[in-house]
Protein backbone atom coordinates (compact mmCIF):
# COMPACT_ATOMS: atom_id res chain seq x y z
CA UNK A 1 211.88 -271.21 100.39
CA UNK A 2 208.33 -270.79 101.73
CA UNK A 3 206.01 -268.70 99.56
CA UNK A 4 202.67 -269.52 101.20
CA UNK A 5 201.52 -271.46 104.25
CA UNK A 6 198.19 -271.60 106.07
CA UNK A 7 199.83 -270.81 109.43
CA UNK A 8 202.47 -268.40 108.19
CA UNK A 9 200.98 -265.40 110.02
CA UNK A 10 200.41 -267.14 113.37
CA UNK A 11 203.65 -269.02 114.09
CA UNK A 12 206.04 -267.15 116.39
CA UNK A 13 208.95 -269.41 117.46
CA UNK A 14 211.98 -269.25 115.19
CA UNK A 15 215.49 -270.62 114.91
CA UNK A 16 218.04 -268.58 112.94
CA UNK A 17 221.18 -270.40 111.85
CA UNK A 18 223.96 -268.66 109.91
CA UNK A 19 225.12 -270.51 106.80
CA UNK A 20 228.61 -272.03 107.31
CA UNK A 21 229.34 -269.09 109.59
CA UNK A 22 233.12 -269.14 110.06
CA UNK A 23 233.75 -269.97 106.38
CA UNK A 24 231.26 -267.28 105.30
CA UNK A 25 233.10 -264.66 107.34
CA UNK A 26 236.39 -265.66 105.71
CA UNK A 27 234.85 -265.49 102.22
CA UNK A 28 233.31 -262.13 103.00
CA UNK A 29 236.67 -260.74 104.10
CA UNK A 30 238.59 -262.31 101.20
CA UNK A 31 236.50 -262.31 97.97
CA UNK A 32 239.18 -264.41 96.23
CA UNK A 33 237.87 -267.36 98.27
CA UNK A 34 234.30 -266.97 97.03
CA UNK A 35 234.30 -269.87 94.55
CA UNK A 36 236.81 -272.06 96.40
CA UNK A 37 236.25 -274.86 98.92
CA UNK A 38 237.14 -273.45 102.34
CA UNK A 39 237.73 -275.42 105.54
CA UNK A 40 238.18 -273.80 108.94
CA UNK A 41 240.30 -276.06 111.12
CA UNK A 42 243.73 -277.07 112.34
CA UNK A 43 246.55 -279.09 110.82
CA UNK A 44 246.26 -282.62 109.51
CA UNK A 45 245.92 -283.97 113.06
CA UNK A 46 243.03 -281.63 113.92
CA UNK A 47 239.36 -281.65 113.01
CA UNK A 48 237.14 -279.56 110.77
CA UNK A 49 235.47 -276.70 112.61
CA UNK A 50 233.39 -275.47 109.66
CA UNK A 51 233.32 -276.18 105.93
CA UNK A 52 231.76 -274.01 103.26
CA UNK A 53 229.04 -275.50 101.09
CA UNK A 54 231.42 -276.14 98.19
CA UNK A 55 233.51 -278.34 100.48
CA UNK A 56 230.37 -279.96 101.91
CA UNK A 57 229.34 -281.05 98.43
CA UNK A 58 232.61 -283.02 98.36
CA UNK A 59 231.62 -284.77 101.60
CA UNK A 60 233.46 -282.62 104.16
CA UNK A 61 231.61 -282.26 107.47
CA UNK A 62 232.14 -280.51 110.79
CA UNK A 63 234.13 -282.54 113.35
CA UNK A 64 235.64 -284.69 110.56
CA UNK A 65 239.38 -285.38 110.98
CA UNK A 66 241.36 -283.01 108.78
CA UNK A 67 243.25 -285.80 107.04
CA UNK A 68 239.96 -287.29 105.87
CA UNK A 69 238.58 -283.90 104.82
CA UNK A 70 241.68 -283.19 102.74
CA UNK A 71 241.47 -286.63 101.12
CA UNK A 72 237.92 -285.80 100.02
CA UNK A 73 238.76 -282.22 99.04
CA UNK A 74 242.52 -281.91 98.37
CA UNK A 75 242.17 -278.46 96.77
CA UNK A 76 240.52 -276.96 99.86
CA UNK A 77 241.84 -273.72 101.31
CA UNK A 78 242.43 -274.45 105.01
CA UNK A 79 242.22 -271.49 107.37
CA UNK A 80 242.83 -271.37 111.09
CA UNK A 81 239.86 -269.72 112.76
CA UNK A 82 239.82 -266.07 113.85
CA UNK A 83 237.61 -266.32 116.92
CA UNK A 84 237.87 -262.62 117.76
CA UNK A 85 236.48 -261.71 114.33
CA UNK A 86 233.68 -264.29 114.55
CA UNK A 87 232.67 -262.94 117.96
CA UNK A 88 232.54 -259.40 116.57
CA UNK A 89 230.32 -260.46 113.65
CA UNK A 90 228.12 -262.48 116.03
CA UNK A 91 227.58 -259.35 118.13
CA UNK A 92 226.50 -257.41 115.03
CA UNK A 93 223.93 -260.10 114.20
CA UNK A 94 222.75 -260.20 117.81
CA UNK A 95 222.19 -256.43 117.70
CA UNK A 96 219.87 -256.84 114.69
CA UNK A 97 217.92 -259.55 116.50
CA UNK A 98 217.57 -257.39 119.60
CA UNK A 99 215.75 -254.79 117.51
CA UNK A 100 213.05 -257.41 116.89
CA UNK A 101 212.49 -259.06 120.29
CA UNK A 102 214.05 -259.30 123.77
CA UNK A 103 213.35 -263.06 123.76
CA UNK A 104 216.57 -264.37 122.21
CA UNK A 105 218.30 -267.57 123.28
CA UNK A 106 221.74 -267.94 121.68
CA UNK A 107 222.98 -271.50 121.19
CA UNK A 108 226.38 -270.49 119.81
CA UNK A 109 227.95 -267.58 117.97
CA UNK A 110 226.00 -268.35 114.81
CA UNK A 111 222.55 -269.55 115.88
CA UNK A 112 219.75 -268.56 118.21
CA UNK A 113 216.10 -269.11 119.04
CA UNK A 114 213.77 -266.11 118.85
CA UNK A 115 210.26 -265.73 120.25
CA UNK A 116 208.34 -263.04 118.36
CA UNK A 117 205.06 -263.51 120.19
CA UNK A 118 203.29 -260.16 120.50
CA UNK A 119 205.64 -258.25 118.17
CA UNK A 120 203.26 -257.91 115.21
CA UNK A 121 201.92 -254.50 116.25
CA UNK A 122 205.41 -253.24 117.07
CA UNK A 123 206.82 -254.11 113.64
CA UNK A 124 203.67 -253.76 111.58
CA UNK A 125 204.12 -257.26 110.17
CA UNK A 126 203.73 -260.90 111.26
CA UNK A 127 206.84 -262.71 112.58
CA UNK A 128 207.48 -264.44 109.24
CA UNK A 129 207.90 -261.09 107.47
CA UNK A 130 210.00 -259.69 110.31
CA UNK A 131 212.32 -262.69 110.11
CA UNK A 132 212.65 -262.36 106.34
CA UNK A 133 213.69 -258.75 106.89
CA UNK A 134 216.23 -259.89 109.48
CA UNK A 135 218.11 -262.23 107.15
CA UNK A 136 218.01 -259.60 104.39
CA UNK A 137 219.60 -257.05 106.72
CA UNK A 138 222.19 -259.62 107.78
CA UNK A 139 223.13 -260.10 104.14
CA UNK A 140 223.00 -256.42 103.14
CA UNK A 141 224.62 -254.86 106.21
CA UNK A 142 226.94 -257.57 107.55
CA UNK A 143 227.55 -259.75 104.51
CA UNK A 144 226.48 -262.99 106.19
CA UNK A 145 223.54 -265.18 105.15
CA UNK A 146 221.30 -267.22 107.41
CA UNK A 147 218.48 -269.75 107.31
CA UNK A 148 215.22 -269.50 109.25
CA UNK A 149 213.07 -272.24 110.76
CA UNK A 150 209.62 -271.10 111.92
CA UNK A 151 207.22 -273.23 113.94
CA UNK A 152 205.15 -273.47 117.11
CA UNK A 153 207.97 -274.70 119.40
CA UNK A 154 211.75 -274.77 119.69
CA UNK A 155 212.25 -278.40 118.67
CA UNK A 156 210.44 -277.99 115.37
CA UNK A 157 211.89 -274.54 114.67
CA UNK A 158 215.41 -275.96 114.89
CA UNK A 159 214.47 -278.91 112.70
CA UNK A 160 212.95 -276.53 110.14
CA UNK A 161 216.04 -274.31 109.91
CA UNK A 162 218.05 -277.26 108.56
CA UNK A 163 215.55 -278.23 105.86
CA UNK A 164 216.58 -275.81 103.12
CA UNK A 165 220.08 -274.47 103.82
CA UNK A 166 221.67 -272.20 102.74
CA UNK A 167 219.44 -269.09 102.57
CA UNK A 168 216.42 -271.17 103.56
CA UNK A 169 213.11 -270.25 105.17
CA UNK A 170 211.14 -273.32 106.23
CA UNK A 171 207.91 -273.65 108.18
CA UNK A 172 206.41 -276.54 110.17
CA UNK A 173 202.85 -275.75 111.21
CA UNK A 174 200.74 -277.37 113.90
CA UNK A 175 198.44 -279.09 111.43
CA UNK A 176 201.27 -280.84 109.58
CA UNK A 177 203.48 -281.72 112.57
CA UNK A 178 202.40 -285.36 112.97
CA UNK A 179 202.59 -286.14 109.26
CA UNK A 180 205.94 -284.39 108.92
CA UNK A 181 207.59 -286.32 111.76
CA UNK A 182 206.17 -289.82 111.41
CA UNK A 183 208.69 -291.27 108.95
CA UNK A 184 211.68 -289.14 110.00
CA UNK A 185 214.69 -290.81 111.70
CA UNK A 186 215.09 -290.16 115.42
CA UNK A 187 218.58 -288.77 114.82
CA UNK A 188 216.70 -285.64 113.75
CA UNK A 189 216.29 -284.89 117.45
CA UNK A 190 218.85 -282.37 118.64
CA UNK A 191 221.15 -284.04 121.17
CA UNK A 192 220.77 -287.59 119.84
CA UNK A 193 224.39 -288.52 119.16
CA UNK A 194 225.86 -291.83 117.99
CA UNK A 195 225.72 -293.43 121.46
CA UNK A 196 222.07 -292.47 122.07
CA UNK A 197 221.15 -293.50 118.53
CA UNK A 198 222.75 -296.91 119.03
CA UNK A 199 220.84 -297.34 122.30
CA UNK A 200 217.57 -296.47 120.58
CA UNK A 201 218.28 -298.83 117.69
CA UNK A 202 218.90 -301.66 120.17
CA UNK A 203 215.33 -301.05 121.33
CA UNK A 204 214.08 -301.13 117.73
CA UNK A 205 213.57 -297.36 117.54
CA UNK A 206 214.79 -295.82 114.32
CA UNK A 207 211.96 -293.48 113.30
CA UNK A 208 209.35 -291.33 115.01
CA UNK A 209 206.80 -293.96 113.99
CA UNK A 210 208.74 -296.46 116.11
CA UNK A 211 208.65 -294.05 119.06
CA UNK A 212 204.89 -293.59 118.75
CA UNK A 213 204.40 -297.33 119.34
CA UNK A 214 205.98 -297.10 122.78
CA UNK A 215 204.01 -296.40 125.93
CA UNK A 216 205.18 -293.34 127.87
CA UNK A 217 205.83 -295.38 131.01
CA UNK A 218 207.88 -297.96 129.12
CA UNK A 219 210.02 -295.29 127.48
CA UNK A 220 210.70 -293.79 130.89
CA UNK A 221 211.60 -297.16 132.35
CA UNK A 222 213.98 -297.92 129.46
CA UNK A 223 215.61 -294.49 128.95
CA UNK A 224 214.97 -292.54 132.14
CA UNK A 225 214.30 -288.80 131.79
CA UNK A 226 215.25 -288.96 128.12
CA UNK A 227 212.39 -291.42 127.58
CA UNK A 228 209.79 -288.91 128.76
CA UNK A 229 211.31 -286.25 126.50
CA UNK A 230 211.24 -288.64 123.55
CA UNK A 231 207.55 -289.41 124.17
CA UNK A 232 206.68 -285.72 123.89
CA UNK A 233 208.96 -285.01 120.91
CA UNK A 234 207.50 -287.98 119.02
CA UNK A 235 204.23 -286.03 119.10
CA UNK A 236 205.88 -282.75 118.19
CA UNK A 237 205.47 -281.39 121.72
CA UNK A 238 208.08 -279.12 123.27
CA UNK A 239 207.07 -276.84 126.13
CA UNK A 240 210.46 -275.20 126.63
CA UNK A 241 210.35 -271.44 126.41
CA UNK A 242 212.85 -269.32 124.54
CA UNK A 243 215.10 -268.38 127.44
CA UNK A 244 216.14 -264.80 126.80
CA UNK A 245 219.49 -263.84 128.35
CA UNK A 246 220.26 -267.45 129.29
CA UNK A 247 223.74 -267.47 130.86
CA UNK A 248 226.70 -269.13 129.17
CA UNK A 249 227.53 -272.20 131.26
CA UNK A 250 230.90 -273.17 129.84
CA UNK A 251 233.61 -272.44 127.27
CA UNK A 252 235.52 -275.40 125.90
CA UNK A 253 237.59 -276.71 123.02
CA UNK A 254 238.79 -280.17 122.06
CA UNK A 255 240.75 -281.94 119.35
CA UNK A 256 240.82 -285.47 117.95
CA UNK A 257 244.19 -286.95 117.05
CA UNK A 258 245.13 -288.45 113.69
CA UNK A 259 246.81 -291.26 115.65
CA UNK A 260 246.19 -292.27 119.27
CA UNK A 261 249.00 -291.04 121.50
CA UNK A 262 250.35 -291.31 125.04
CA UNK A 263 253.27 -288.93 124.41
CA UNK A 264 253.46 -286.41 127.26
CA UNK A 265 255.17 -283.83 125.02
CA UNK A 266 252.50 -284.13 122.32
CA UNK A 267 249.66 -283.99 124.84
CA UNK A 268 251.23 -281.04 126.65
CA UNK A 269 251.35 -279.09 123.40
CA UNK A 270 247.67 -279.78 122.82
CA UNK A 271 246.77 -278.78 126.39
CA UNK A 272 248.45 -275.41 125.82
CA UNK A 273 246.80 -274.78 122.44
CA UNK A 274 243.36 -275.73 123.76
CA UNK A 275 243.86 -273.57 126.85
CA UNK A 276 244.82 -270.67 124.62
CA UNK A 277 241.70 -271.12 122.49
CA UNK A 278 239.47 -271.25 125.57
CA UNK A 279 241.21 -268.15 126.92
CA UNK A 280 240.77 -266.31 123.60
CA UNK A 281 237.03 -267.04 123.59
CA UNK A 282 236.67 -265.96 127.21
CA UNK A 283 238.52 -262.70 126.55
CA UNK A 284 236.61 -262.02 123.34
CA UNK A 285 233.26 -262.41 125.09
CA UNK A 286 234.18 -260.65 128.32
CA UNK A 287 233.90 -263.78 130.47
CA UNK A 288 235.96 -265.82 132.91
CA UNK A 289 235.53 -269.14 134.67
CA UNK A 290 236.13 -270.58 138.14
CA UNK A 291 236.38 -274.27 137.15
CA UNK A 292 238.89 -275.86 134.76
CA UNK A 293 238.02 -279.21 133.17
CA UNK A 294 240.27 -281.70 131.37
CA UNK A 295 238.67 -284.33 129.14
CA UNK A 296 240.46 -287.33 127.65
CA UNK A 297 238.98 -290.02 125.42
CA UNK A 298 240.77 -293.35 125.03
CA UNK A 299 241.08 -295.58 121.99
CA UNK A 300 238.03 -297.59 123.09
CA UNK A 301 236.00 -294.32 123.25
CA UNK A 302 235.77 -294.44 127.06
CA UNK A 303 236.25 -291.01 128.61
CA UNK A 304 238.13 -289.61 131.59
CA UNK A 305 237.03 -286.21 132.91
CA UNK A 306 238.68 -284.29 135.73
CA UNK A 307 237.90 -280.80 137.02
CA UNK A 308 239.12 -278.47 139.73
CA UNK A 309 237.78 -275.22 141.20
CA UNK A 310 240.13 -272.24 141.25
CA UNK A 311 240.49 -269.85 144.15
CA UNK A 312 239.21 -267.09 141.83
CA UNK A 313 237.84 -266.96 138.26
CA UNK A 314 240.31 -266.61 135.40
CA UNK A 315 240.47 -265.98 131.68
CA UNK A 316 244.26 -266.23 131.51
CA UNK A 317 245.61 -268.94 129.19
CA UNK A 318 248.63 -269.55 131.43
CA UNK A 319 246.41 -270.32 134.45
CA UNK A 320 244.06 -272.50 132.46
CA UNK A 321 247.00 -274.41 130.99
CA UNK A 322 248.80 -274.92 134.30
CA UNK A 323 245.62 -276.15 135.97
CA UNK A 324 244.74 -278.50 133.10
CA UNK A 325 248.32 -279.79 133.04
CA UNK A 326 248.12 -280.47 136.78
CA UNK A 327 244.94 -282.49 136.19
CA UNK A 328 246.71 -284.44 133.45
CA UNK A 329 249.71 -285.12 135.69
CA UNK A 330 247.41 -286.64 138.30
CA UNK A 331 246.05 -289.02 135.66
CA UNK A 332 249.35 -289.68 133.94
CA UNK A 333 249.91 -291.12 130.45
CA UNK A 334 249.45 -294.70 131.70
CA UNK A 335 245.70 -294.53 131.05
CA UNK A 336 246.35 -293.85 127.35
CA UNK A 337 246.84 -293.89 124.52
CA UNK A 338 244.31 -291.16 123.89
CA UNK A 339 242.34 -290.27 120.77
CA UNK A 340 240.89 -286.96 121.98
CA UNK A 341 241.73 -284.25 124.49
CA UNK A 342 239.67 -281.27 125.58
CA UNK A 343 240.00 -278.30 127.95
CA UNK A 344 237.06 -276.38 129.36
CA UNK A 345 236.19 -273.46 131.61
CA UNK A 346 232.93 -273.34 133.59
CA UNK A 347 231.48 -271.45 136.53
CA UNK A 348 231.26 -268.53 134.11
CA UNK A 349 231.27 -264.95 135.45
CA UNK A 350 231.91 -261.47 133.96
CA UNK A 351 235.58 -260.79 133.26
CA UNK A 352 235.60 -257.95 135.80
CA UNK A 353 235.60 -260.57 138.58
CA UNK A 354 238.65 -262.41 137.21
CA UNK A 355 242.33 -262.56 138.11
CA UNK A 356 242.16 -259.94 140.86
CA UNK A 357 244.37 -261.29 143.65
CA UNK A 358 247.00 -263.39 141.91
CA UNK A 359 248.28 -266.71 143.23
CA UNK A 360 249.96 -266.49 146.65
CA UNK A 361 251.52 -269.93 146.10
CA UNK A 362 253.03 -268.82 142.80
CA UNK A 363 254.85 -265.47 143.11
CA UNK A 364 255.60 -265.46 139.37
CA UNK A 365 251.94 -265.64 138.36
CA UNK A 366 251.45 -261.85 138.39
CA UNK A 367 254.42 -261.41 136.06
CA UNK A 368 253.11 -264.08 133.67
CA UNK A 369 249.62 -262.52 133.66
CA UNK A 370 251.12 -259.10 132.83
CA UNK A 371 253.19 -260.69 130.06
CA UNK A 372 250.12 -262.42 128.63
CA UNK A 373 248.13 -259.18 128.63
CA UNK A 374 251.00 -257.48 126.81
CA UNK A 375 251.13 -260.35 124.29
CA UNK A 376 247.39 -259.99 123.73
CA UNK A 377 247.84 -256.33 122.85
CA UNK A 378 250.64 -257.15 120.40
CA UNK A 379 248.60 -259.93 118.76
CA UNK A 380 245.59 -257.64 118.50
CA UNK A 381 247.71 -255.04 116.70
CA UNK A 382 249.94 -257.22 114.53
CA UNK A 383 247.99 -260.48 114.15
CA UNK A 384 247.51 -263.76 115.99
CA UNK A 385 250.87 -265.20 114.92
CA UNK A 386 252.91 -262.16 116.00
CA UNK A 387 253.82 -263.99 119.22
CA UNK A 388 253.85 -267.79 119.48
CA UNK A 389 254.90 -269.76 122.57
CA UNK A 390 257.38 -272.55 122.02
CA UNK A 391 255.16 -275.15 123.70
CA UNK A 392 252.46 -274.51 121.07
CA UNK A 393 254.82 -275.94 118.42
CA UNK A 394 254.96 -279.39 120.02
């Protein structure tokens, strides 16, 4: 936690990240879970969505296969996520942020960039104090804690927010930027995944100090557009603005299998469950999409991605599923076995523009849409498991 800093009153770019958001919501709503390790995720063949800090101490991490997480933390309480509740809490937090600045760029339900430039007179305090008040209100009024990173650009603000979680407030000033970065590993850069990291290591780049030894032109020649970005980030430079009201580009969900599979029945069940999750998120956020995407990853980690544009946007799980299943049928199981499958919705528009005309080639579609809407109302009243389709049990 920052107590004093020479630039504390002049830095204006922040990143707010809720602490283990989904798990924190579950603990807030069920105090009996407070001192227990909690994992949000699917069955043993799924992956961890979020783990509370007690589970993280045991080694559990997001995106870890559930079987491995439960081996590390066998006494964990495993909860299937309640996306509708998380969206509602996210909206409450967003409302608090909107009282501070219109320049808010959400990255997900539980994190966002904020630009508080020029807000000191409005709030009667520098951005650092305003941000401290924000996380206090989040805790007092909503029951969710968050960590703040404050700096002079988005890259460093996001790095800072991870330095002292949970309930952290970390600052990276201009004067200390070079010294702070020089010995840090390049995996600190947001977006550098295992494949990119391996590519950098092949070039002898493991730390920011390694990056600084490269000429800008050579980095561009070796890594393309990413090379130019790396040259700037190595020097702590990031000219991206906080993009207030940036549109959501896609909604997706994926799962990694415990064992690679080419079983059509097993894969069909996953396509339905993923389609339902995508649909639930679209409905909860008042959005729809005009493009359905199917993603498959094979045992050798190579990927197959197929997408198709719909004749009108949709947020209906049945339509998403049928389209994704059609894409899968065109590929067939012969390209498997598969280790991962994902379903996505893009071409995002407001829900008011969705599912207006029905499908002329499928006379039963209107009936299925009406049935799904009725099921949604029942689930909203009696709980998510009040109605379960048989195909979801595969």
